[in-house]
Amino acid sequence: TSCQGRRGFGSCDLFESRKVGEQW
């Protein structure tokens, strides 16, 4: 969940990140 600082649709949105090698 991210509620500020990222472009979203509402007050809090769900974001995804994938691990590639050792980095997200």
mmCIF file of all heavy atoms, coordinates in Angstrom:
data_MODEL
# 
_entry.id   MODEL 
# 
loop_
_atom_site.group_PDB 
_atom_site.id 
_atom_site.type_symbol 
_atom_site.label_atom_id 
_atom_site.label_alt_id 
_atom_site.label_comp_id 
_atom_site.label_asym_id 
_atom_site.label_entity_id 
_atom_site.label_seq_id 
_atom_site.pdbx_PDB_ins_code 
_atom_site.Cartn_x 
_atom_site.Cartn_y 
_atom_site.Cartn_z 
_atom_site.occupancy 
_atom_site.B_iso_or_equiv 
_atom_site.pdbx_formal_charge 
_atom_site.auth_seq_id 
_atom_site.auth_comp_id 
_atom_site.auth_asym_id 
_atom_site.auth_atom_id 
_atom_site.pdbx_PDB_model_num 
ATOM 1   N N   . THR A 1 1  ? 0.840  -1.190  0.000   1.00 0.00 ? 1  THR A N   1 
ATOM 2   C CA  . THR A 1 1  ? 0.000  0.000   0.000   1.00 0.00 ? 1  THR A CA  1 
ATOM 3   C C   . THR A 1 1  ? 0.878  1.244   0.000   1.00 0.00 ? 1  THR A C   1 
ATOM 4   O O   . THR A 1 1  ? 1.857  1.309   0.738   1.00 0.00 ? 1  THR A O   1 
ATOM 5   C CB  . THR A 1 1  ? -0.880 0.028   1.269   1.00 0.00 ? 1  THR A CB  1 
ATOM 6   O OG1 . THR A 1 1  ? -1.613 -1.187  1.349   1.00 0.00 ? 1  THR A OG1 1 
ATOM 7   C CG2 . THR A 1 1  ? -1.831 1.206   1.252   1.00 0.00 ? 1  THR A CG2 1 
ATOM 8   N N   . SER A 1 2  ? 0.522  2.213   -0.825  1.00 0.00 ? 2  SER A N   1 
ATOM 9   C CA  . SER A 1 2  ? 1.193  3.509   -0.807  1.00 0.00 ? 2  SER A CA  1 
ATOM 10  C C   . SER A 1 2  ? 0.120  4.589   -0.840  1.00 0.00 ? 2  SER A C   1 
ATOM 11  O O   . SER A 1 2  ? -0.812 4.533   -1.643  1.00 0.00 ? 2  SER A O   1 
ATOM 12  C CB  . SER A 1 2  ? 2.127  3.659   -2.008  1.00 0.00 ? 2  SER A CB  1 
ATOM 13  O OG  . SER A 1 2  ? 2.814  4.886   -1.953  1.00 0.00 ? 2  SER A OG  1 
ATOM 14  N N   . CYS A 1 3  ? 0.263  5.557   0.073   1.00 0.00 ? 3  CYS A N   1 
ATOM 15  C CA  . CYS A 1 3  ? -0.764 6.587   0.218   1.00 0.00 ? 3  CYS A CA  1 
ATOM 16  C C   . CYS A 1 3  ? -0.307 7.979   -0.195  1.00 0.00 ? 3  CYS A C   1 
ATOM 17  O O   . CYS A 1 3  ? -1.129 8.884   -0.269  1.00 0.00 ? 3  CYS A O   1 
ATOM 18  C CB  . CYS A 1 3  ? -1.260 6.617   1.661   1.00 0.00 ? 3  CYS A CB  1 
ATOM 19  S SG  . CYS A 1 3  ? -1.996 5.064   2.188   1.00 0.00 ? 3  CYS A SG  1 
ATOM 20  N N   . GLN A 1 4  ? 0.978  8.172   -0.423  1.00 0.00 ? 4  GLN A N   1 
ATOM 21  C CA  . GLN A 1 4  ? 1.488  9.487   -0.809  1.00 0.00 ? 4  GLN A CA  1 
ATOM 22  C C   . GLN A 1 4  ? 2.738  9.298   -1.655  1.00 0.00 ? 4  GLN A C   1 
ATOM 23  O O   . GLN A 1 4  ? 3.412  8.279   -1.557  1.00 0.00 ? 4  GLN A O   1 
ATOM 24  C CB  . GLN A 1 4  ? 1.902  10.303  0.419   1.00 0.00 ? 4  GLN A CB  1 
ATOM 25  C CG  . GLN A 1 4  ? 0.798  10.662  1.350   1.00 0.00 ? 4  GLN A CG  1 
ATOM 26  C CD  . GLN A 1 4  ? 1.366  11.304  2.609   1.00 0.00 ? 4  GLN A CD  1 
ATOM 27  O OE1 . GLN A 1 4  ? 2.228  10.732  3.263   1.00 0.00 ? 4  GLN A OE1 1 
ATOM 28  N NE2 . GLN A 1 4  ? 0.892  12.497  2.920   1.00 0.00 ? 4  GLN A NE2 1 
ATOM 29  N N   . GLY A 1 5  ? 3.049  10.302  -2.456  1.00 0.00 ? 5  GLY A N   1 
ATOM 30  C CA  . GLY A 1 5  ? 4.321  10.326  -3.161  1.00 0.00 ? 5  GLY A CA  1 
ATOM 31  C C   . GLY A 1 5  ? 4.383  9.526   -4.438  1.00 0.00 ? 5  GLY A C   1 
ATOM 32  O O   . GLY A 1 5  ? 5.363  9.602   -5.167  1.00 0.00 ? 5  GLY A O   1 
ATOM 33  N N   . ARG A 1 6  ? 3.368  8.726   -4.718  1.00 0.00 ? 6  ARG A N   1 
ATOM 34  C CA  . ARG A 1 6  ? 3.314  7.963   -5.968  1.00 0.00 ? 6  ARG A CA  1 
ATOM 35  C C   . ARG A 1 6  ? 1.996  8.277   -6.661  1.00 0.00 ? 6  ARG A C   1 
ATOM 36  O O   . ARG A 1 6  ? 0.987  8.505   -6.012  1.00 0.00 ? 6  ARG A O   1 
ATOM 37  C CB  . ARG A 1 6  ? 3.400  6.463   -5.695  1.00 0.00 ? 6  ARG A CB  1 
ATOM 38  C CG  . ARG A 1 6  ? 4.748  6.025   -5.195  1.00 0.00 ? 6  ARG A CG  1 
ATOM 39  C CD  . ARG A 1 6  ? 4.809  4.494   -5.099  1.00 0.00 ? 6  ARG A CD  1 
ATOM 40  N NE  . ARG A 1 6  ? 6.151  4.067   -4.825  1.00 0.00 ? 6  ARG A NE  1 
ATOM 41  C CZ  . ARG A 1 6  ? 6.661  3.911   -3.600  1.00 0.00 ? 6  ARG A CZ  1 
ATOM 42  N NH1 . ARG A 1 6  ? 5.919  4.139   -2.541  1.00 0.00 ? 6  ARG A NH1 1 
ATOM 43  N NH2 . ARG A 1 6  ? 7.906  3.526   -3.437  1.00 0.00 ? 6  ARG A NH2 1 
ATOM 44  N N   . ARG A 1 7  ? 2.001  8.232   -7.963  1.00 0.00 ? 7  ARG A N   1 
ATOM 45  C CA  . ARG A 1 7  ? 0.777  8.500   -8.721  1.00 0.00 ? 7  ARG A CA  1 
ATOM 46  C C   . ARG A 1 7  ? -0.231 7.387   -8.491  1.00 0.00 ? 7  ARG A C   1 
ATOM 47  O O   . ARG A 1 7  ? 0.050  6.219   -8.716  1.00 0.00 ? 7  ARG A O   1 
ATOM 48  C CB  . ARG A 1 7  ? 1.103  8.604   -10.204 1.00 0.00 ? 7  ARG A CB  1 
ATOM 49  C CG  . ARG A 1 7  ? -0.132 8.870   -11.050 1.00 0.00 ? 7  ARG A CG  1 
ATOM 50  C CD  . ARG A 1 7  ? 0.266  9.276   -12.410 1.00 0.00 ? 7  ARG A CD  1 
ATOM 51  N NE  . ARG A 1 7  ? 0.690  10.668  -12.280 1.00 0.00 ? 7  ARG A NE  1 
ATOM 52  C CZ  . ARG A 1 7  ? 0.589  11.541  -13.248 1.00 0.00 ? 7  ARG A CZ  1 
ATOM 53  N NH1 . ARG A 1 7  ? 0.136  11.182  -14.409 1.00 0.00 ? 7  ARG A NH1 1 
ATOM 54  N NH2 . ARG A 1 7  ? 0.980  12.783  -13.073 1.00 0.00 ? 7  ARG A NH2 1 
ATOM 55  N N   . GLY A 1 8  ? -1.415 7.782   -8.017  1.00 0.00 ? 8  GLY A N   1 
ATOM 56  C CA  . GLY A 1 8  ? -2.445 6.804   -7.713  1.00 0.00 ? 8  GLY A CA  1 
ATOM 57  C C   . GLY A 1 8  ? -3.814 7.251   -8.193  1.00 0.00 ? 8  GLY A C   1 
ATOM 58  O O   . GLY A 1 8  ? -3.983 8.341   -8.723  1.00 0.00 ? 8  GLY A O   1 
ATOM 59  N N   . PHE A 1 9  ? -4.786 6.389   -7.964  1.00 0.00 ? 9  PHE A N   1 
ATOM 60  C CA  . PHE A 1 9  ? -6.168 6.658   -8.347  1.00 0.00 ? 9  PHE A CA  1 
ATOM 61  C C   . PHE A 1 9  ? -6.972 7.223   -7.186  1.00 0.00 ? 9  PHE A C   1 
ATOM 62  O O   . PHE A 1 9  ? -7.982 7.868   -7.381  1.00 0.00 ? 9  PHE A O   1 
ATOM 63  C CB  . PHE A 1 9  ? -6.849 5.367   -8.832  1.00 0.00 ? 9  PHE A CB  1 
ATOM 64  C CG  . PHE A 1 9  ? -6.287 4.842   -10.116 1.00 0.00 ? 9  PHE A CG  1 
ATOM 65  C CD1 . PHE A 1 9  ? -5.289 3.880   -10.108 1.00 0.00 ? 9  PHE A CD1 1 
ATOM 66  C CD2 . PHE A 1 9  ? -6.744 5.304   -11.328 1.00 0.00 ? 9  PHE A CD2 1 
ATOM 67  C CE1 . PHE A 1 9  ? -4.767 3.389   -11.287 1.00 0.00 ? 9  PHE A CE1 1 
ATOM 68  C CE2 . PHE A 1 9  ? -6.223 4.819   -12.515 1.00 0.00 ? 9  PHE A CE2 1 
ATOM 69  C CZ  . PHE A 1 9  ? -5.228 3.859   -12.492 1.00 0.00 ? 9  PHE A CZ  1 
ATOM 70  N N   . GLY A 1 10 ? -6.551 6.917   -5.946  1.00 0.00 ? 10 GLY A N   1 
ATOM 71  C CA  . GLY A 1 10 ? -7.308 7.343   -4.768  1.00 0.00 ? 10 GLY A CA  1 
ATOM 72  C C   . GLY A 1 10 ? -6.389 7.713   -3.628  1.00 0.00 ? 10 GLY A C   1 
ATOM 73  O O   . GLY A 1 10 ? -5.201 7.981   -3.821  1.00 0.00 ? 10 GLY A O   1 
ATOM 74  N N   . SER A 1 11 ? -6.946 7.677   -2.415  1.00 0.00 ? 11 SER A N   1 
ATOM 75  C CA  . SER A 1 11 ? -6.165 8.107   -1.248  1.00 0.00 ? 11 SER A CA  1 
ATOM 76  C C   . SER A 1 11 ? -5.042 7.141   -0.914  1.00 0.00 ? 11 SER A C   1 
ATOM 77  O O   . SER A 1 11 ? -3.973 7.554   -0.488  1.00 0.00 ? 11 SER A O   1 
ATOM 78  C CB  . SER A 1 11 ? -7.089 8.294   -0.042  1.00 0.00 ? 11 SER A CB  1 
ATOM 79  O OG  . SER A 1 11 ? -7.731 7.074   0.288   1.00 0.00 ? 11 SER A OG  1 
ATOM 80  N N   . CYS A 1 12 ? -5.256 5.864   -1.076  1.00 0.00 ? 12 CYS A N   1 
ATOM 81  C CA  . CYS A 1 12 ? -4.224 4.831   -0.941  1.00 0.00 ? 12 CYS A CA  1 
ATOM 82  C C   . CYS A 1 12 ? -4.456 3.816   -2.045  1.00 0.00 ? 12 CYS A C   1 
ATOM 83  O O   . CYS A 1 12 ? -5.600 3.448   -2.321  1.00 0.00 ? 12 CYS A O   1 
ATOM 84  C CB  . CYS A 1 12 ? -4.307 4.127   0.414   1.00 0.00 ? 12 CYS A CB  1 
ATOM 85  S SG  . CYS A 1 12 ? -3.849 5.137   1.818   1.00 0.00 ? 12 CYS A SG  1 
ATOM 86  N N   . ASP A 1 13 ? -3.398 3.386   -2.683  1.00 0.00 ? 13 ASP A N   1 
ATOM 87  C CA  . ASP A 1 13 ? -3.483 2.413   -3.771  1.00 0.00 ? 13 ASP A CA  1 
ATOM 88  C C   . ASP A 1 13 ? -2.523 1.259   -3.521  1.00 0.00 ? 13 ASP A C   1 
ATOM 89  O O   . ASP A 1 13 ? -1.596 1.368   -2.715  1.00 0.00 ? 13 ASP A O   1 
ATOM 90  C CB  . ASP A 1 13 ? -3.100 3.050   -5.107  1.00 0.00 ? 13 ASP A CB  1 
ATOM 91  C CG  . ASP A 1 13 ? -4.217 3.860   -5.735  1.00 0.00 ? 13 ASP A CG  1 
ATOM 92  O OD1 . ASP A 1 13 ? -5.310 3.944   -5.147  1.00 0.00 ? 13 ASP A OD1 1 
ATOM 93  O OD2 . ASP A 1 13 ? -3.992 4.414   -6.818  1.00 0.00 ? 13 ASP A OD2 1 
ATOM 94  N N   . LEU A 1 14 ? -2.728 0.167   -4.251  1.00 0.00 ? 14 LEU A N   1 
ATOM 95  C CA  . LEU A 1 14 ? -1.824 -0.977  -4.191  1.00 0.00 ? 14 LEU A CA  1 
ATOM 96  C C   . LEU A 1 14 ? -0.842 -0.900  -5.354  1.00 0.00 ? 14 LEU A C   1 
ATOM 97  O O   . LEU A 1 14 ? -1.226 -0.606  -6.490  1.00 0.00 ? 14 LEU A O   1 
ATOM 98  C CB  . LEU A 1 14 ? -2.608 -2.283  -4.231  1.00 0.00 ? 14 LEU A CB  1 
ATOM 99  C CG  . LEU A 1 14 ? -3.586 -2.471  -3.068  1.00 0.00 ? 14 LEU A CG  1 
ATOM 100 C CD1 . LEU A 1 14 ? -4.295 -3.811  -3.190  1.00 0.00 ? 14 LEU A CD1 1 
ATOM 101 C CD2 . LEU A 1 14 ? -2.883 -2.353  -1.732  1.00 0.00 ? 14 LEU A CD2 1 
ATOM 102 N N   . PHE A 1 15 ? 0.415  -1.175  -5.054  1.00 0.00 ? 15 PHE A N   1 
ATOM 103 C CA  . PHE A 1 15 ? 1.506  -1.143  -6.021  1.00 0.00 ? 15 PHE A CA  1 
ATOM 104 C C   . PHE A 1 15 ? 2.222  -2.483  -5.985  1.00 0.00 ? 15 PHE A C   1 
ATOM 105 O O   . PHE A 1 15 ? 2.212  -3.183  -4.967  1.00 0.00 ? 15 PHE A O   1 
ATOM 106 C CB  . PHE A 1 15 ? 2.506  -0.035  -5.665  1.00 0.00 ? 15 PHE A CB  1 
ATOM 107 C CG  . PHE A 1 15 ? 1.981  1.344   -5.932  1.00 0.00 ? 15 PHE A CG  1 
ATOM 108 C CD1 . PHE A 1 15 ? 1.072  1.938   -5.080  1.00 0.00 ? 15 PHE A CD1 1 
ATOM 109 C CD2 . PHE A 1 15 ? 2.403  2.052   -7.042  1.00 0.00 ? 15 PHE A CD2 1 
ATOM 110 C CE1 . PHE A 1 15 ? 0.581  3.207   -5.319  1.00 0.00 ? 15 PHE A CE1 1 
ATOM 111 C CE2 . PHE A 1 15 ? 1.920  3.322   -7.300  1.00 0.00 ? 15 PHE A CE2 1 
ATOM 112 C CZ  . PHE A 1 15 ? 1.011  3.899   -6.434  1.00 0.00 ? 15 PHE A CZ  1 
ATOM 113 N N   . GLU A 1 16 ? 2.861  -2.827  -7.093  1.00 0.00 ? 16 GLU A N   1 
ATOM 114 C CA  . GLU A 1 16 ? 3.635  -4.063  -7.126  1.00 0.00 ? 16 GLU A CA  1 
ATOM 115 C C   . GLU A 1 16 ? 5.068  -3.788  -7.564  1.00 0.00 ? 16 GLU A C   1 
ATOM 116 O O   . GLU A 1 16 ? 5.338  -2.847  -8.313  1.00 0.00 ? 16 GLU A O   1 
ATOM 117 C CB  . GLU A 1 16 ? 2.992  -5.097  -8.040  1.00 0.00 ? 16 GLU A CB  1 
ATOM 118 C CG  . GLU A 1 16 ? 2.986  -4.754  -9.500  1.00 0.00 ? 16 GLU A CG  1 
ATOM 119 C CD  . GLU A 1 16 ? 2.380  -5.863  -10.332 1.00 0.00 ? 16 GLU A CD  1 
ATOM 120 O OE1 . GLU A 1 16 ? 2.984  -6.947  -10.427 1.00 0.00 ? 16 GLU A OE1 1 
ATOM 121 O OE2 . GLU A 1 16 ? 1.295  -5.638  -10.894 1.00 0.00 ? 16 GLU A OE2 1 
ATOM 122 N N   . SER A 1 17 ? 5.954  -4.611  -7.047  1.00 0.00 ? 17 SER A N   1 
ATOM 123 C CA  . SER A 1 17 ? 7.365  -4.569  -7.419  1.00 0.00 ? 17 SER A CA  1 
ATOM 124 C C   . SER A 1 17 ? 7.832  -6.011  -7.555  1.00 0.00 ? 17 SER A C   1 
ATOM 125 O O   . SER A 1 17 ? 7.417  -6.868  -6.772  1.00 0.00 ? 17 SER A O   1 
ATOM 126 C CB  . SER A 1 17 ? 8.173  -3.834  -6.339  1.00 0.00 ? 17 SER A CB  1 
ATOM 127 O OG  . SER A 1 17 ? 9.538  -3.819  -6.667  1.00 0.00 ? 17 SER A OG  1 
ATOM 128 N N   . ARG A 1 18 ? 8.671  -6.267  -8.538  1.00 0.00 ? 18 ARG A N   1 
ATOM 129 C CA  . ARG A 1 18 ? 9.190  -7.624  -8.762  1.00 0.00 ? 18 ARG A CA  1 
ATOM 130 C C   . ARG A 1 18 ? 10.688 -7.652  -8.484  1.00 0.00 ? 18 ARG A C   1 
ATOM 131 O O   . ARG A 1 18 ? 11.402 -6.697  -8.772  1.00 0.00 ? 18 ARG A O   1 
ATOM 132 C CB  . ARG A 1 18 ? 8.907  -8.077  -10.186 1.00 0.00 ? 18 ARG A CB  1 
ATOM 133 C CG  . ARG A 1 18 ? 7.409  -8.184  -10.430 1.00 0.00 ? 18 ARG A CG  1 
ATOM 134 C CD  . ARG A 1 18 ? 7.070  -8.784  -11.767 1.00 0.00 ? 18 ARG A CD  1 
ATOM 135 N NE  . ARG A 1 18 ? 5.636  -8.858  -11.932 1.00 0.00 ? 18 ARG A NE  1 
ATOM 136 C CZ  . ARG A 1 18 ? 4.887  -9.883  -11.544 1.00 0.00 ? 18 ARG A CZ  1 
ATOM 137 N NH1 . ARG A 1 18 ? 5.438  -10.927 -10.962 1.00 0.00 ? 18 ARG A NH1 1 
ATOM 138 N NH2 . ARG A 1 18 ? 3.588  -9.880  -11.739 1.00 0.00 ? 18 ARG A NH2 1 
ATOM 139 N N   . LYS A 1 19 ? 11.132 -8.754  -7.932  1.00 0.00 ? 19 LYS A N   1 
ATOM 140 C CA  . LYS A 1 19 ? 12.550 -8.915  -7.647  1.00 0.00 ? 19 LYS A CA  1 
ATOM 141 C C   . LYS A 1 19 ? 13.227 -9.524  -8.870  1.00 0.00 ? 19 LYS A C   1 
ATOM 142 O O   . LYS A 1 19 ? 12.880 -10.612 -9.312  1.00 0.00 ? 19 LYS A O   1 
ATOM 143 C CB  . LYS A 1 19 ? 12.763 -9.801  -6.425  1.00 0.00 ? 19 LYS A CB  1 
ATOM 144 C CG  . LYS A 1 19 ? 14.166 -9.730  -5.890  1.00 0.00 ? 19 LYS A CG  1 
ATOM 145 C CD  . LYS A 1 19 ? 14.258 -10.405 -4.544  1.00 0.00 ? 19 LYS A CD  1 
ATOM 146 C CE  . LYS A 1 19 ? 15.617 -10.140 -3.934  1.00 0.00 ? 19 LYS A CE  1 
ATOM 147 N NZ  . LYS A 1 19 ? 15.755 -10.862 -2.651  1.00 0.00 ? 19 LYS A NZ  1 
ATOM 148 N N   . VAL A 1 20 ? 14.188 -8.791  -9.405  1.00 0.00 ? 20 VAL A N   1 
ATOM 149 C CA  . VAL A 1 20 ? 14.958 -9.240  -10.568 1.00 0.00 ? 20 VAL A CA  1 
ATOM 150 C C   . VAL A 1 20 ? 16.401 -9.354  -10.096 1.00 0.00 ? 20 VAL A C   1 
ATOM 151 O O   . VAL A 1 20 ? 17.016 -8.337  -9.754  1.00 0.00 ? 20 VAL A O   1 
ATOM 152 C CB  . VAL A 1 20 ? 14.831 -8.247  -11.740 1.00 0.00 ? 20 VAL A CB  1 
ATOM 153 C CG1 . VAL A 1 20 ? 15.665 -8.694  -12.921 1.00 0.00 ? 20 VAL A CG1 1 
ATOM 154 C CG2 . VAL A 1 20 ? 13.368 -8.075  -12.144 1.00 0.00 ? 20 VAL A CG2 1 
ATOM 155 N N   . GLY A 1 21 ? 16.909 -10.559 -10.056 1.00 0.00 ? 21 GLY A N   1 
ATOM 156 C CA  . GLY A 1 21 ? 18.219 -10.767 -9.454  1.00 0.00 ? 21 GLY A CA  1 
ATOM 157 C C   . GLY A 1 21 ? 18.112 -10.478 -7.967  1.00 0.00 ? 21 GLY A C   1 
ATOM 158 O O   . GLY A 1 21 ? 17.300 -11.066 -7.273  1.00 0.00 ? 21 GLY A O   1 
ATOM 159 N N   . GLU A 1 22 ? 18.882 -9.538  -7.498  1.00 0.00 ? 22 GLU A N   1 
ATOM 160 C CA  . GLU A 1 22 ? 18.832 -9.141  -6.094  1.00 0.00 ? 22 GLU A CA  1 
ATOM 161 C C   . GLU A 1 22 ? 18.191 -7.770  -5.894  1.00 0.00 ? 22 GLU A C   1 
ATOM 162 O O   . GLU A 1 22 ? 18.210 -7.230  -4.789  1.00 0.00 ? 22 GLU A O   1 
ATOM 163 C CB  . GLU A 1 22 ? 20.248 -9.144  -5.497  1.00 0.00 ? 22 GLU A CB  1 
ATOM 164 C CG  . GLU A 1 22 ? 20.859 -10.528 -5.425  1.00 0.00 ? 22 GLU A CG  1 
ATOM 165 C CD  . GLU A 1 22 ? 20.014 -11.497 -4.588  1.00 0.00 ? 22 GLU A CD  1 
ATOM 166 O OE1 . GLU A 1 22 ? 19.583 -11.127 -3.475  1.00 0.00 ? 22 GLU A OE1 1 
ATOM 167 O OE2 . GLU A 1 22 ? 19.777 -12.620 -5.067  1.00 0.00 ? 22 GLU A OE2 1 
ATOM 168 N N   . GLN A 1 23 ? 17.625 -7.197  -6.953  1.00 0.00 ? 23 GLN A N   1 
ATOM 169 C CA  . GLN A 1 23 ? 17.048 -5.850  -6.892  1.00 0.00 ? 23 GLN A CA  1 
ATOM 170 C C   . GLN A 1 23 ? 15.534 -5.877  -7.111  1.00 0.00 ? 23 GLN A C   1 
ATOM 171 O O   . GLN A 1 23 ? 15.034 -6.668  -7.913  1.00 0.00 ? 23 GLN A O   1 
ATOM 172 C CB  . GLN A 1 23 ? 17.681 -4.957  -7.973  1.00 0.00 ? 23 GLN A CB  1 
ATOM 173 C CG  . GLN A 1 23 ? 19.172 -4.793  -7.834  1.00 0.00 ? 23 GLN A CG  1 
ATOM 174 C CD  . GLN A 1 23 ? 19.535 -3.984  -6.606  1.00 0.00 ? 23 GLN A CD  1 
ATOM 175 O OE1 . GLN A 1 23 ? 18.888 -2.989  -6.295  1.00 0.00 ? 23 GLN A OE1 1 
ATOM 176 N NE2 . GLN A 1 23 ? 20.562 -4.413  -5.890  1.00 0.00 ? 23 GLN A NE2 1 
ATOM 177 N N   . TRP A 1 24 ? 14.849 -4.979  -6.422  1.00 0.00 ? 24 TRP A N   1 
ATOM 178 C CA  . TRP A 1 24 ? 13.418 -4.788  -6.636  1.00 0.00 ? 24 TRP A CA  1 
ATOM 179 C C   . TRP A 1 24 ? 13.203 -3.742  -7.722  1.00 0.00 ? 24 TRP A C   1 
ATOM 180 O O   . TRP A 1 24 ? 13.910 -2.737  -7.757  1.00 0.00 ? 24 TRP A O   1 
ATOM 181 C CB  . TRP A 1 24 ? 12.725 -4.347  -5.342  1.00 0.00 ? 24 TRP A CB  1 
ATOM 182 C CG  . TRP A 1 24 ? 12.673 -5.440  -4.323  1.00 0.00 ? 24 TRP A CG  1 
ATOM 183 C CD1 . TRP A 1 24 ? 13.529 -5.615  -3.269  1.00 0.00 ? 24 TRP A CD1 1 
ATOM 184 C CD2 . TRP A 1 24 ? 11.743 -6.512  -4.277  1.00 0.00 ? 24 TRP A CD2 1 
ATOM 185 N NE1 . TRP A 1 24 ? 13.174 -6.738  -2.573  1.00 0.00 ? 24 TRP A NE1 1 
ATOM 186 C CE2 . TRP A 1 24 ? 12.071 -7.312  -3.165  1.00 0.00 ? 24 TRP A CE2 1 
ATOM 187 C CE3 . TRP A 1 24 ? 10.660 -6.892  -5.065  1.00 0.00 ? 24 TRP A CE3 1 
ATOM 188 C CZ2 . TRP A 1 24 ? 11.358 -8.455  -2.815  1.00 0.00 ? 24 TRP A CZ2 1 
ATOM 189 C CZ3 . TRP A 1 24 ? 9.941  -8.026  -4.721  1.00 0.00 ? 24 TRP A CZ3 1 
ATOM 190 C CH2 . TRP A 1 24 ? 10.292 -8.795  -3.615  1.00 0.00 ? 24 TRP A CH2 1 
# 
